[in-house]
Amino acid sequence: MFITFEGIEGSGKSLQIMRTQAYLQQKGLACLLTREPGGTKFGLALRKVLLGMDGGHREPWCELLLYLADRYQHLKEVIEPALNRGMLVLSDRYQDATRLIKVRLVAYP
């Protein structure tokens, strides 16, 4: 089972996910706690750029692609292998956290 915790900053996601992990482990269930961005070594590097103020200006589409690259790496490297081992996976954010971006189309001659 794959369970995600979504919500705005400061809404208590981290507290609830840790409580859920403790409860499941108390019941004898194997579970993995992970997060986005930052659930992999690649994701940790991206997290520094995405959440830091020193990452420079990014176009919205470029930022979205970085989040999606992190998500795919996270899925292949962490989530799917854990699920294949029969573990419960608890993730602090996943695709519901992806924001929608409106794009202005520009006509080029």
PDB file of N, CA and C in Angstrom:
ATOM      1  N   MET A   1       0.844  -1.171   0.000  1.00  0.00           N
ATOM      2  CA  MET A   1       0.000   0.000   0.000  1.00  0.00           C
ATOM      3  C   MET A   1       0.892   1.238   0.000  1.00  0.00           C
ATOM      4  N   PHE A   2       0.477   2.228  -0.743  1.00  0.00           N
ATOM      5  CA  PHE A   2       1.210   3.485  -0.867  1.00  0.00           C
ATOM      6  C   PHE A   2       0.305   4.604  -0.372  1.00  0.00           C
ATOM      7  N   ILE A   3       0.703   5.258   0.708  1.00  0.00           N
ATOM      8  CA  ILE A   3      -0.109   6.302   1.318  1.00  0.00           C
ATOM      9  C   ILE A   3       0.673   7.610   1.277  1.00  0.00           C
ATOM     10  N   THR A   4       0.020   8.660   0.786  1.00  0.00           N
ATOM     11  CA  THR A   4       0.690   9.961   0.746  1.00  0.00           C
ATOM     12  C   THR A   4       0.007  10.924   1.705  1.00  0.00           C
ATOM     13  N   PHE A   5       0.797  11.819   2.231  1.00  0.00           N
ATOM     14  CA  PHE A   5       0.317  12.868   3.128  1.00  0.00           C
ATOM     15  C   PHE A   5       0.524  14.189   2.409  1.00  0.00           C
ATOM     16  N   GLU A   6      -0.560  14.897   2.184  1.00  0.00           N
ATOM     17  CA  GLU A   6      -0.521  16.140   1.437  1.00  0.00           C
ATOM     18  C   GLU A   6      -1.034  17.279   2.306  1.00  0.00           C
ATOM     19  N   GLY A   7      -0.598  18.476   2.025  1.00  0.00           N
ATOM     20  CA  GLY A   7      -1.083  19.638   2.756  1.00  0.00           C
ATOM     21  C   GLY A   7      -0.111  20.789   2.640  1.00  0.00           C
ATOM     22  N   ILE A   8      -0.575  21.948   3.050  1.00  0.00           N
ATOM     23  CA  ILE A   8       0.263  23.138   2.977  1.00  0.00           C
ATOM     24  C   ILE A   8       1.341  23.086   4.054  1.00  0.00           C
ATOM     25  N   GLU A   9       2.347  23.932   3.908  1.00  0.00           N
ATOM     26  CA  GLU A   9       3.423  24.014   4.893  1.00  0.00           C
ATOM     27  C   GLU A   9       2.840  24.297   6.268  1.00  0.00           C
ATOM     28  N   GLY A  10       3.330  23.580   7.263  1.00  0.00           N
ATOM     29  CA  GLY A  10       2.902  23.800   8.629  1.00  0.00           C
ATOM     30  C   GLY A  10       1.567  23.183   9.002  1.00  0.00           C
ATOM     31  N   SER A  11       1.006  22.351   8.130  1.00  0.00           N
ATOM     32  CA  SER A  11      -0.316  21.767   8.407  1.00  0.00           C
ATOM     33  C   SER A  11      -0.249  20.506   9.263  1.00  0.00           C
ATOM     34  N   GLY A  12       0.960  20.021   9.552  1.00  0.00           N
ATOM     35  CA  GLY A  12       1.101  18.854  10.411  1.00  0.00           C
ATOM     36  C   GLY A  12       1.378  17.550   9.692  1.00  0.00           C
ATOM     37  N   LYS A  13       1.773  17.617   8.427  1.00  0.00           N
ATOM     38  CA  LYS A  13       2.061  16.392   7.659  1.00  0.00           C
ATOM     39  C   LYS A  13       3.147  15.557   8.325  1.00  0.00           C
ATOM     40  N   SER A  14       4.226  16.200   8.700  1.00  0.00           N
ATOM     41  CA  SER A  14       5.353  15.463   9.289  1.00  0.00           C
ATOM     42  C   SER A  14       4.955  14.781  10.585  1.00  0.00           C
ATOM     43  N   LEU A  15       4.215  15.463  11.423  1.00  0.00           N
ATOM     44  CA  LEU A  15       3.758  14.883  12.681  1.00  0.00           C
ATOM     45  C   LEU A  15       2.854  13.674  12.418  1.00  0.00           C
ATOM     46  N   GLN A  16       1.904  13.823  11.511  1.00  0.00           N
ATOM     47  CA  GLN A  16       0.955  12.741  11.235  1.00  0.00           C
ATOM     48  C   GLN A  16       1.620  11.543  10.573  1.00  0.00           C
ATOM     49  N   ILE A  17       2.577  11.799   9.697  1.00  0.00           N
ATOM     50  CA  ILE A  17       3.239  10.680   9.023  1.00  0.00           C
ATOM     51  C   ILE A  17       4.102   9.898  10.013  1.00  0.00           C
ATOM     52  N   MET A  18       4.751  10.602  10.950  1.00  0.00           N
ATOM     53  CA  MET A  18       5.549   9.907  11.966  1.00  0.00           C
ATOM     54  C   MET A  18       4.655   9.113  12.918  1.00  0.00           C
ATOM     55  N   ARG A  19       3.500   9.667  13.272  1.00  0.00           N
ATOM     56  CA  ARG A  19       2.551   8.946  14.119  1.00  0.00           C
ATOM     57  C   ARG A  19       2.027   7.699  13.404  1.00  0.00           C
ATOM     58  N   THR A  20       1.736   7.841  12.129  1.00  0.00           N
ATOM     59  CA  THR A  20       1.234   6.703  11.351  1.00  0.00           C
ATOM     60  C   THR A  20       2.290   5.618  11.258  1.00  0.00           C
ATOM     61  N   GLN A  21       3.536   6.014  10.991  1.00  0.00           N
ATOM     62  CA  GLN A  21       4.629   5.048  10.915  1.00  0.00           C
ATOM     63  C   GLN A  21       4.772   4.306  12.249  1.00  0.00           C
ATOM     64  N   ALA A  22       4.755   5.022  13.350  1.00  0.00           N
ATOM     65  CA  ALA A  22       4.890   4.399  14.673  1.00  0.00           C
ATOM     66  C   ALA A  22       3.743   3.414  14.927  1.00  0.00           C
ATOM     67  N   TYR A  23       2.542   3.810  14.573  1.00  0.00           N
ATOM     68  CA  TYR A  23       1.371   2.945  14.772  1.00  0.00           C
ATOM     69  C   TYR A  23       1.500   1.659  13.948  1.00  0.00           C
ATOM     70  N   LEU A  24       1.865   1.811  12.672  1.00  0.00           N
ATOM     71  CA  LEU A  24       1.983   0.638  11.796  1.00  0.00           C
ATOM     72  C   LEU A  24       3.085  -0.295  12.266  1.00  0.00           C
ATOM     73  N   GLN A  25       4.206   0.276  12.686  1.00  0.00           N
ATOM     74  CA  GLN A  25       5.299  -0.560  13.173  1.00  0.00           C
ATOM     75  C   GLN A  25       4.911  -1.267  14.465  1.00  0.00           C
ATOM     76  N   GLN A  26       4.134  -0.595  15.309  1.00  0.00           N
ATOM     77  CA  GLN A  26       3.633  -1.196  16.541  1.00  0.00           C
ATOM     78  C   GLN A  26       2.753  -2.416  16.240  1.00  0.00           C
ATOM     79  N   LYS A  27       2.046  -2.348  15.104  1.00  0.00           N
ATOM     80  CA  LYS A  27       1.186  -3.450  14.674  1.00  0.00           C
ATOM     81  C   LYS A  27       1.967  -4.542  13.944  1.00  0.00           C
ATOM     82  N   GLY A  28       3.302  -4.354  13.833  1.00  0.00           N
ATOM     83  CA  GLY A  28       4.149  -5.356  13.201  1.00  0.00           C
ATOM     84  C   GLY A  28       4.224  -5.254  11.688  1.00  0.00           C
ATOM     85  N   LEU A  29       3.806  -4.130  11.139  1.00  0.00           N
ATOM     86  CA  LEU A  29       3.840  -3.958   9.686  1.00  0.00           C
ATOM     87  C   LEU A  29       5.117  -3.246   9.260  1.00  0.00           C
ATOM     88  N   ALA A  30       5.732  -3.772   8.216  1.00  0.00           N
ATOM     89  CA  ALA A  30       6.938  -3.142   7.675  1.00  0.00           C
ATOM     90  C   ALA A  30       6.528  -1.926   6.855  1.00  0.00           C
ATOM     91  N   CYS A  31       7.078  -0.783   7.209  1.00  0.00           N
ATOM     92  CA  CYS A  31       6.745   0.413   6.431  1.00  0.00           C
ATOM     93  C   CYS A  31       7.973   1.276   6.235  1.00  0.00           C
ATOM     94  N   LEU A  32       7.926   2.020   5.171  1.00  0.00           N
ATOM     95  CA  LEU A  32       9.014   2.918   4.792  1.00  0.00           C
ATOM     96  C   LEU A  32       8.467   4.334   4.773  1.00  0.00           C
ATOM     97  N   LEU A  33       9.201   5.242   5.380  1.00  0.00           N
ATOM     98  CA  LEU A  33       8.849   6.654   5.378  1.00  0.00           C
ATOM     99  C   LEU A  33       9.760   7.365   4.389  1.00  0.00           C
ATOM    100  N   THR A  34       9.160   8.134   3.476  1.00  0.00           N
ATOM    101  CA  THR A  34       9.943   8.851   2.477  1.00  0.00           C
ATOM    102  C   THR A  34       9.300  10.211   2.230  1.00  0.00           C
ATOM    103  N   ARG A  35       9.925  11.029   1.370  1.00  0.00           N
ATOM    104  CA  ARG A  35       9.386  12.361   1.103  1.00  0.00           C
ATOM    105  C   ARG A  35       9.738  12.833  -0.294  1.00  0.00           C
ATOM    106  N   GLU A  36       8.992  13.844  -0.708  1.00  0.00           N
ATOM    107  CA  GLU A  36       9.248  14.506  -1.989  1.00  0.00           C
ATOM    108  C   GLU A  36       9.271  15.999  -1.790  1.00  0.00           C
ATOM    109  N   PRO A  37      10.217  16.677  -2.356  1.00  0.00           N
ATOM    110  CA  PRO A  37      11.438  16.127  -2.952  1.00  0.00           C
ATOM    111  C   PRO A  37      12.409  15.686  -1.862  1.00  0.00           C
ATOM    112  N   GLY A  38      13.300  14.809  -2.209  1.00  0.00           N
ATOM    113  CA  GLY A  38      14.358  14.423  -1.295  1.00  0.00           C
ATOM    114  C   GLY A  38      14.366  12.994  -0.838  1.00  0.00           C
ATOM    115  N   GLY A  39      13.607  12.118  -1.469  1.00  0.00           N
ATOM    116  CA  GLY A  39      13.576  10.717  -1.062  1.00  0.00           C
ATOM    117  C   GLY A  39      14.733   9.888  -1.590  1.00  0.00           C
ATOM    118  N   THR A  40      15.554  10.469  -2.448  1.00  0.00           N
ATOM    119  CA  THR A  40      16.722   9.790  -3.012  1.00  0.00           C
ATOM    120  C   THR A  40      17.918  10.735  -2.900  1.00  0.00           C
ATOM    121  N   LYS A  41      19.094  10.221  -3.191  1.00  0.00           N
ATOM    122  CA  LYS A  41      20.291  11.082  -3.184  1.00  0.00           C
ATOM    123  C   LYS A  41      20.131  12.194  -4.229  1.00  0.00           C
ATOM    124  N   PHE A  42      19.634  11.819  -5.399  1.00  0.00           N
ATOM    125  CA  PHE A  42      19.349  12.790  -6.463  1.00  0.00           C
ATOM    126  C   PHE A  42      18.323  13.816  -5.968  1.00  0.00           C
ATOM    127  N   GLY A  43      17.284  13.329  -5.293  1.00  0.00           N
ATOM    128  CA  GLY A  43      16.236  14.199  -4.778  1.00  0.00           C
ATOM    129  C   GLY A  43      16.733  15.163  -3.719  1.00  0.00           C
ATOM    130  N   LEU A  44      17.672  14.724  -2.890  1.00  0.00           N
ATOM    131  CA  LEU A  44      18.241  15.619  -1.879  1.00  0.00           C
ATOM    132  C   LEU A  44      18.978  16.782  -2.530  1.00  0.00           C
ATOM    133  N   ALA A  45      19.706  16.473  -3.605  1.00  0.00           N
ATOM    134  CA  ALA A  45      20.415  17.534  -4.324  1.00  0.00           C
ATOM    135  C   ALA A  45      19.414  18.503  -4.958  1.00  0.00           C
ATOM    136  N   LEU A  46      18.363  17.954  -5.564  1.00  0.00           N
ATOM    137  CA  LEU A  46      17.336  18.815  -6.163  1.00  0.00           C
ATOM    138  C   LEU A  46      16.597  19.628  -5.109  1.00  0.00           C
ATOM    139  N   ARG A  47      16.361  19.025  -3.961  1.00  0.00           N
ATOM    140  CA  ARG A  47      15.655  19.715  -2.879  1.00  0.00           C
ATOM    141  C   ARG A  47      16.382  20.997  -2.481  1.00  0.00           C
ATOM    142  N   LYS A  48      17.706  20.907  -2.409  1.00  0.00           N
ATOM    143  CA  LYS A  48      18.499  22.096  -2.062  1.00  0.00           C
ATOM    144  C   LYS A  48      18.278  23.212  -3.073  1.00  0.00           C
ATOM    145  N   VAL A  49      18.200  22.842  -4.335  1.00  0.00           N
ATOM    146  CA  VAL A  49      17.982  23.842  -5.393  1.00  0.00           C
ATOM    147  C   VAL A  49      16.546  24.352  -5.367  1.00  0.00           C
ATOM    148  N   LEU A  50      15.589  23.432  -5.310  1.00  0.00           N
ATOM    149  CA  LEU A  50      14.179  23.800  -5.400  1.00  0.00           C
ATOM    150  C   LEU A  50      13.694  24.617  -4.207  1.00  0.00           C
ATOM    151  N   LEU A  51      14.148  24.270  -3.021  1.00  0.00           N
ATOM    152  CA  LEU A  51      13.650  24.942  -1.825  1.00  0.00           C
ATOM    153  C   LEU A  51      14.561  26.057  -1.333  1.00  0.00           C
ATOM    154  N   GLY A  52      15.761  26.141  -1.899  1.00  0.00           N
ATOM    155  CA  GLY A  52      16.694  27.181  -1.491  1.00  0.00           C
ATOM    156  C   GLY A  52      16.496  28.464  -2.282  1.00  0.00           C
ATOM    157  N   MET A  53      16.868  29.534  -1.683  1.00  0.00           N
ATOM    158  CA  MET A  53      16.741  30.834  -2.345  1.00  0.00           C
ATOM    159  C   MET A  53      17.932  31.120  -3.261  1.00  0.00           C
ATOM    160  N   ASP A  54      18.988  30.333  -3.151  1.00  0.00           N
ATOM    161  CA  ASP A  54      20.183  30.587  -3.940  1.00  0.00           C
ATOM    162  C   ASP A  54      20.239  29.775  -5.234  1.00  0.00           C
ATOM    163  N   GLY A  55      19.128  29.175  -5.618  1.00  0.00           N
ATOM    164  CA  GLY A  55      19.095  28.345  -6.817  1.00  0.00           C
ATOM    165  C   GLY A  55      18.973  29.130  -8.110  1.00  0.00           C
ATOM    166  N   GLY A  56      18.847  30.435  -8.004  1.00  0.00           N
ATOM    167  CA  GLY A  56      18.713  31.243  -9.203  1.00  0.00           C
ATOM    168  C   GLY A  56      17.297  31.214  -9.751  1.00  0.00           C
ATOM    169  N   HIS A  57      17.059  32.076 -10.709  1.00  0.00           N
ATOM    170  CA  HIS A  57      15.737  32.153 -11.334  1.00  0.00           C
ATOM    171  C   HIS A  57      15.486  30.916 -12.185  1.00  0.00           C
ATOM    172  N   ARG A  58      14.276  30.394 -12.113  1.00  0.00           N
ATOM    173  CA  ARG A  58      13.872  29.265 -12.949  1.00  0.00           C
ATOM    174  C   ARG A  58      12.539  29.597 -13.589  1.00  0.00           C
ATOM    175  N   GLU A  59      12.412  29.261 -14.823  1.00  0.00           N
ATOM    176  CA  GLU A  59      11.127  29.355 -15.485  1.00  0.00           C
ATOM    177  C   GLU A  59      10.204  28.329 -14.846  1.00  0.00           C
ATOM    178  N   PRO A  60       8.907  28.611 -14.729  1.00  0.00           N
ATOM    179  CA  PRO A  60       7.986  27.662 -14.096  1.00  0.00           C
ATOM    180  C   PRO A  60       8.026  26.262 -14.701  1.00  0.00           C
ATOM    181  N   TRP A  61       8.119  26.162 -16.014  1.00  0.00           N
ATOM    182  CA  TRP A  61       8.170  24.836 -16.649  1.00  0.00           C
ATOM    183  C   TRP A  61       9.444  24.096 -16.269  1.00  0.00           C
ATOM    184  N   CYS A  62      10.541  24.808 -16.157  1.00  0.00           N
ATOM    185  CA  CYS A  62      11.803  24.175 -15.756  1.00  0.00           C
ATOM    186  C   CYS A  62      11.692  23.633 -14.336  1.00  0.00           C
ATOM    187  N   GLU A  63      11.089  24.418 -13.448  1.00  0.00           N
ATOM    188  CA  GLU A  63      10.911  23.963 -12.069  1.00  0.00           C
ATOM    189  C   GLU A  63      10.006  22.736 -12.012  1.00  0.00           C
ATOM    190  N   LEU A  64       8.931  22.751 -12.779  1.00  0.00           N
ATOM    191  CA  LEU A  64       8.035  21.600 -12.821  1.00  0.00           C
ATOM    192  C   LEU A  64       8.782  20.351 -13.296  1.00  0.00           C
ATOM    193  N   LEU A  65       9.606  20.491 -14.309  1.00  0.00           N
ATOM    194  CA  LEU A  65      10.355  19.345 -14.828  1.00  0.00           C
ATOM    195  C   LEU A  65      11.345  18.805 -13.795  1.00  0.00           C
ATOM    196  N   LEU A  66      11.917  19.678 -12.979  1.00  0.00           N
ATOM    197  CA  LEU A  66      12.800  19.214 -11.907  1.00  0.00           C
ATOM    198  C   LEU A  66      12.026  18.388 -10.881  1.00  0.00           C
ATOM    199  N   TYR A  67      10.832  18.867 -10.499  1.00  0.00           N
ATOM    200  CA  TYR A  67       9.993  18.103  -9.574  1.00  0.00           C
ATOM    201  C   TYR A  67       9.610  16.750 -10.178  1.00  0.00           C
ATOM    202  N   LEU A  68       9.278  16.740 -11.468  1.00  0.00           N
ATOM    203  CA  LEU A  68       8.885  15.485 -12.115  1.00  0.00           C
ATOM    204  C   LEU A  68      10.068  14.528 -12.243  1.00  0.00           C
ATOM    205  N   ALA A  69      11.259  15.060 -12.492  1.00  0.00           N
ATOM    206  CA  ALA A  69      12.451  14.216 -12.548  1.00  0.00           C
ATOM    207  C   ALA A  69      12.693  13.578 -11.182  1.00  0.00           C
ATOM    208  N   ASP A  70      12.556  14.366 -10.130  1.00  0.00           N
ATOM    209  CA  ASP A  70      12.709  13.831  -8.779  1.00  0.00           C
ATOM    210  C   ASP A  70      11.669  12.751  -8.515  1.00  0.00           C
ATOM    211  N   ARG A  71      10.426  13.005  -8.912  1.00  0.00           N
ATOM    212  CA  ARG A  71       9.349  12.036  -8.671  1.00  0.00           C
ATOM    213  C   ARG A  71       9.631  10.703  -9.361  1.00  0.00           C
ATOM    214  N   TYR A  72      10.060  10.740 -10.606  1.00  0.00           N
ATOM    215  CA  TYR A  72      10.303   9.497 -11.333  1.00  0.00           C
ATOM    216  C   TYR A  72      11.465   8.720 -10.706  1.00  0.00           C
ATOM    217  N   GLN A  73      12.524   9.417 -10.349  1.00  0.00           N
ATOM    218  CA  GLN A  73      13.665   8.776  -9.691  1.00  0.00           C
ATOM    219  C   GLN A  73      13.218   8.142  -8.366  1.00  0.00           C
ATOM    220  N   HIS A  74      12.433   8.870  -7.625  1.00  0.00           N
ATOM    221  CA  HIS A  74      11.901   8.426  -6.341  1.00  0.00           C
ATOM    222  C   HIS A  74      11.038   7.166  -6.523  1.00  0.00           C
ATOM    223  N   LEU A  75      10.173   7.186  -7.519  1.00  0.00           N
ATOM    224  CA  LEU A  75       9.309   6.053  -7.803  1.00  0.00           C
ATOM    225  C   LEU A  75      10.122   4.801  -8.123  1.00  0.00           C
ATOM    226  N   LYS A  76      11.104   4.946  -9.016  1.00  0.00           N
ATOM    227  CA  LYS A  76      11.882   3.793  -9.475  1.00  0.00           C
ATOM    228  C   LYS A  76      12.889   3.302  -8.439  1.00  0.00           C
ATOM    229  N   GLU A  77      13.476   4.225  -7.694  1.00  0.00           N
ATOM    230  CA  GLU A  77      14.550   3.863  -6.774  1.00  0.00           C
ATOM    231  C   GLU A  77      14.055   3.481  -5.371  1.00  0.00           C
ATOM    232  N   VAL A  78      12.947   4.056  -4.939  1.00  0.00           N
ATOM    233  CA  VAL A  78      12.500   3.868  -3.555  1.00  0.00           C
ATOM    234  C   VAL A  78      11.115   3.225  -3.459  1.00  0.00           C
ATOM    235  N   ILE A  79      10.126   3.853  -4.072  1.00  0.00           N
ATOM    236  CA  ILE A  79       8.733   3.443  -3.868  1.00  0.00           C
ATOM    237  C   ILE A  79       8.446   2.057  -4.433  1.00  0.00           C
ATOM    238  N   GLU A  80       8.694   1.857  -5.732  1.00  0.00           N
ATOM    239  CA  GLU A  80       8.392   0.556  -6.338  1.00  0.00           C
ATOM    240  C   GLU A  80       9.156  -0.599  -5.696  1.00  0.00           C
ATOM    241  N   PRO A  81      10.470  -0.454  -5.441  1.00  0.00           N
ATOM    242  CA  PRO A  81      11.168  -1.574  -4.783  1.00  0.00           C
ATOM    243  C   PRO A  81      10.593  -1.916  -3.405  1.00  0.00           C
ATOM    244  N   ALA A  82      10.224  -0.904  -2.633  1.00  0.00           N
ATOM    245  CA  ALA A  82       9.644  -1.157  -1.306  1.00  0.00           C
ATOM    246  C   ALA A  82       8.290  -1.851  -1.438  1.00  0.00           C
ATOM    247  N   LEU A  83       7.465  -1.399  -2.366  1.00  0.00           N
ATOM    248  CA  LEU A  83       6.165  -2.045  -2.579  1.00  0.00           C
ATOM    249  C   LEU A  83       6.342  -3.483  -3.048  1.00  0.00           C
ATOM    250  N   ASN A  84       7.326  -3.710  -3.905  1.00  0.00           N
ATOM    251  CA  ASN A  84       7.595  -5.067  -4.395  1.00  0.00           C
ATOM    252  C   ASN A  84       8.073  -5.999  -3.279  1.00  0.00           C
ATOM    253  N   ARG A  85       8.659  -5.418  -2.215  1.00  0.00           N
ATOM    254  CA  ARG A  85       9.087  -6.208  -1.053  1.00  0.00           C
ATOM    255  C   ARG A  85       7.940  -6.394  -0.053  1.00  0.00           C
ATOM    256  N   GLY A  86       6.756  -5.876  -0.381  1.00  0.00           N
ATOM    257  CA  GLY A  86       5.599  -6.029   0.486  1.00  0.00           C
ATOM    258  C   GLY A  86       5.497  -5.002   1.595  1.00  0.00           C
ATOM    259  N   MET A  87       6.262  -3.924   1.492  1.00  0.00           N
ATOM    260  CA  MET A  87       6.232  -2.891   2.531  1.00  0.00           C
ATOM    261  C   MET A  87       5.112  -1.887   2.267  1.00  0.00           C
ATOM    262  N   LEU A  88       4.662  -1.260   3.330  1.00  0.00           N
ATOM    263  CA  LEU A  88       3.791  -0.097   3.210  1.00  0.00           C
ATOM    264  C   LEU A  88       4.707   1.100   3.004  1.00  0.00           C
ATOM    265  N   VAL A  89       4.347   1.984   2.100  1.00  0.00           N
ATOM    266  CA  VAL A  89       5.161   3.176   1.847  1.00  0.00           C
ATOM    267  C   VAL A  89       4.350   4.401   2.233  1.00  0.00           C
ATOM    268  N   LEU A  90       4.923   5.218   3.109  1.00  0.00           N
ATOM    269  CA  LEU A  90       4.317   6.473   3.536  1.00  0.00           C
ATOM    270  C   LEU A  90       5.166   7.600   2.977  1.00  0.00           C
ATOM    271  N   SER A  91       4.551   8.462   2.187  1.00  0.00           N
ATOM    272  CA  SER A  91       5.306   9.547   1.554  1.00  0.00           C
ATOM    273  C   SER A  91       4.777  10.913   1.969  1.00  0.00           C
ATOM    274  N   ASP A  92       5.702  11.745   2.414  1.00  0.00           N
ATOM    275  CA  ASP A  92       5.398  13.139   2.712  1.00  0.00           C
ATOM    276  C   ASP A  92       5.393  13.859   1.369  1.00  0.00           C
ATOM    277  N   ARG A  93       4.230  13.952   0.788  1.00  0.00           N
ATOM    278  CA  ARG A  93       3.928  14.513  -0.517  1.00  0.00           C
ATOM    279  C   ARG A  93       4.192  13.519  -1.647  1.00  0.00           C
ATOM    280  N   TYR A  94       3.426  13.731  -2.705  1.00  0.00           N
ATOM    281  CA  TYR A  94       3.607  12.996  -3.957  1.00  0.00           C
ATOM    282  C   TYR A  94       2.938  13.836  -5.031  1.00  0.00           C
ATOM    283  N   GLN A  95       2.245  13.234  -5.969  1.00  0.00           N
ATOM    284  CA  GLN A  95       1.790  14.004  -7.127  1.00  0.00           C
ATOM    285  C   GLN A  95       0.699  15.021  -6.826  1.00  0.00           C
ATOM    286  N   ASP A  96      -0.054  14.848  -5.742  1.00  0.00           N
ATOM    287  CA  ASP A  96      -1.058  15.863  -5.406  1.00  0.00           C
ATOM    288  C   ASP A  96      -0.413  17.202  -5.086  1.00  0.00           C
ATOM    289  N   ALA A  97       0.854  17.177  -4.710  1.00  0.00           N
ATOM    290  CA  ALA A  97       1.542  18.416  -4.359  1.00  0.00           C
ATOM    291  C   ALA A  97       1.998  19.201  -5.592  1.00  0.00           C
ATOM    292  N   THR A  98       1.920  18.588  -6.760  1.00  0.00           N
ATOM    293  CA  THR A  98       2.353  19.273  -7.973  1.00  0.00           C
ATOM    294  C   THR A  98       1.373  20.376  -8.314  1.00  0.00           C
ATOM    295  N   ARG A  99       1.895  21.533  -8.474  1.00  0.00           N
ATOM    296  CA  ARG A  99       0.999  22.655  -8.772  1.00  0.00           C
ATOM    297  C   ARG A  99       0.747  22.766 -10.267  1.00  0.00           C
ATOM    298  N   LEU A 100      -0.409  23.266 -10.583  1.00  0.00           N
ATOM    299  CA  LEU A 100      -0.765  23.463 -11.984  1.00  0.00           C
ATOM    300  C   LEU A 100      -0.168  24.778 -12.459  1.00  0.00           C
ATOM    301  N   ILE A 101       0.342  24.747 -13.631  1.00  0.00           N
ATOM    302  CA  ILE A 101       0.966  25.945 -14.197  1.00  0.00           C
ATOM    303  C   ILE A 101       0.214  26.346 -15.456  1.00  0.00           C
ATOM    304  N   LYS A 102      -0.175  27.596 -15.507  1.00  0.00           N
ATOM    305  CA  LYS A 102      -0.794  28.112 -16.734  1.00  0.00           C
ATOM    306  C   LYS A 102       0.335  28.622 -17.619  1.00  0.00           C
ATOM    307  N   VAL A 103       0.281  28.261 -18.839  1.00  0.00           N
ATOM    308  CA  VAL A 103       1.328  28.653 -19.781  1.00  0.00           C
ATOM    309  C   VAL A 103       0.755  29.589 -20.816  1.00  0.00           C
ATOM    310  N   ARG A 104       1.449  30.676 -21.026  1.00  0.00           N
ATOM    311  CA  ARG A 104       1.047  31.618 -22.065  1.00  0.00           C
ATOM    312  C   ARG A 104       1.751  31.182 -23.340  1.00  0.00           C
ATOM    313  N   LEU A 105       0.954  30.864 -24.341  1.00  0.00           N
ATOM    314  CA  LEU A 105       1.533  30.457 -25.615  1.00  0.00           C
ATOM    315  C   LEU A 105       1.920  31.681 -26.412  1.00  0.00           C
ATOM    316  N   VAL A 106       3.088  31.640 -26.983  1.00  0.00           N
ATOM    317  CA  VAL A 106       3.584  32.746 -27.778  1.00  0.00           C
ATOM    318  C   VAL A 106       3.735  32.267 -29.206  1.00  0.00           C
ATOM    319  N   ALA A 107       3.161  33.000 -30.122  1.00  0.00           N
ATOM    320  CA  ALA A 107       3.270  32.647 -31.540  1.00  0.00           C
ATOM    321  C   ALA A 107       4.607  33.168 -32.076  1.00  0.00           C
ATOM    322  N   TYR A 108       5.325  32.316 -32.741  1.00  0.00           N
ATOM    323  CA  TYR A 108       6.590  32.718 -33.354  1.00  0.00           C
ATOM    324  C   TYR A 108       6.390  32.755 -34.867  1.00  0.00           C
ATOM    325  N   PRO A 109       6.970  33.753 -35.502  1.00  0.00           N
ATOM    326  CA  PRO A 109       6.804  33.844 -36.974  1.00  0.00           C
ATOM    327  C   PRO A 109       7.514  32.719 -37.695  1.00  0.00           C
TER     328      PRO A 109
END
